[in-house]
Structures are given as C-alpha cells and as structure tokens.
Protein backbone atom coordinates (compact mmCIF):
# COMPACT_ATOMS: atom_id res chain seq x y z
CA MET A 1 -20.81 55.08 117.66
CA ILE A 2 -21.70 57.86 115.26
CA THR A 3 -20.58 58.46 111.66
CA LEU A 4 -18.52 61.45 110.46
CA ARG A 5 -21.52 62.83 108.56
CA LEU A 6 -23.73 62.62 111.67
CA ALA A 7 -20.98 64.22 113.78
CA TYR A 8 -20.94 67.24 111.46
CA ARG A 9 -24.73 67.46 111.64
CA LEU A 10 -24.67 67.29 115.44
CA GLN A 11 -22.01 70.02 115.50
CA ASP A 12 -24.11 72.26 113.23
CA HIS A 13 -27.18 71.82 115.44
CA ARG A 14 -25.18 72.12 118.68
CA ALA A 15 -26.67 68.79 119.74
CA ARG A 16 -25.35 66.95 122.77
CA VAL A 17 -23.10 63.89 122.53
CA ARG A 18 -22.05 61.38 125.17
CA LEU A 19 -18.47 60.23 125.68
CA GLU A 20 -17.66 56.64 126.61
CA ASP A 21 -16.91 57.69 130.22
CA GLY A 22 -20.43 59.18 130.58
CA ARG A 23 -19.64 62.87 130.20
CA VAL A 24 -21.95 64.90 127.98
CA GLY A 25 -21.08 67.87 125.81
CA SER A 26 -21.21 69.52 122.39
CA ILE A 27 -18.84 69.08 119.47
CA LEU A 28 -16.53 72.05 118.89
CA ARG A 29 -14.20 70.70 116.22
CA LEU A 30 -13.55 67.63 114.07
CA ASP A 31 -10.07 66.81 112.77
CA THR A 32 -9.45 63.98 110.28
CA THR A 33 -5.94 62.86 109.40
CA PHE A 34 -5.12 61.24 106.07
CA PRO A 35 -4.20 58.62 104.94
CA GLU A 36 -4.99 57.02 108.34
CA ASN A 37 -8.56 58.31 108.05
CA ARG A 38 -8.63 58.80 111.84
CA THR A 39 -10.98 61.47 113.24
CA GLU A 40 -10.45 63.23 116.55
CA VAL A 41 -13.25 65.29 118.04
CA SER A 42 -13.02 68.19 120.46
CA VAL A 43 -16.01 68.21 122.81
CA ALA A 44 -16.91 70.95 125.29
CA THR A 45 -17.95 69.23 128.49
CA GLU A 46 -19.23 70.29 131.89
CA GLY A 47 -17.90 68.27 134.78
CA PRO A 48 -17.91 68.43 138.61
CA SER A 49 -14.71 70.51 138.55
CA GLY A 50 -16.08 72.91 135.88
CA PRO A 51 -16.00 73.20 132.12
CA GLY A 52 -13.42 71.46 130.01
CA ILE A 53 -12.53 70.26 126.54
CA ALA A 54 -12.18 66.60 125.80
CA ARG A 55 -10.28 65.37 122.72
CA VAL A 56 -11.49 61.89 121.80
CA ARG A 57 -11.71 59.53 118.83
CA LEU A 58 -14.95 59.62 116.83
CA GLU A 59 -15.61 56.01 117.82
CA GLU A 60 -15.89 57.07 121.50
CA LEU A 61 -19.01 59.24 120.95
CA SER A 62 -22.68 58.47 120.91
CA GLU A 63 -25.70 60.72 120.30
CA VAL A 64 -27.74 61.92 123.26
CA ARG A 65 -31.44 61.37 122.61
CA ASP A 66 -34.21 63.38 124.20
CA ALA A 67 -36.57 61.53 126.52
CA SER A 68 -39.61 63.14 124.86
C-alpha cells in the first residue's frame, strides 16, 4: 500500500505502480472524495489485449522497485 503523498510523487516522476492483480502502469489521475476521504486512482496499464485505464482504490497499489 502507498500513501497519498507518495502517490502524487510517483505521478510526478511517472514512476511505475503495481495493481493487486499484477498489472503494472503509471498514475494518470488521483481523485479524493470528502468527507469519506476515499481516493480513487486512474492508472494507465499495458495488458495482453493492449493499453487500458484501470480505476482502483489507493489501497490496491504498490510501488514498483527497480532490480538495480
């Protein structure tokens, strides 16, 4: 799980994130609703059937770390 602050930093740096189902992509947009304080993230992904946009909860993302 990543924090909202980290999500904005990853978006700014166009860093890769991993969804719970294993897909990898970059954050396009973050939407937070109040007063529920729920954040939905739009992630550009590349899958076997081509590119797509996944809309997931912030809790469903993790940072992709380089192997180096």
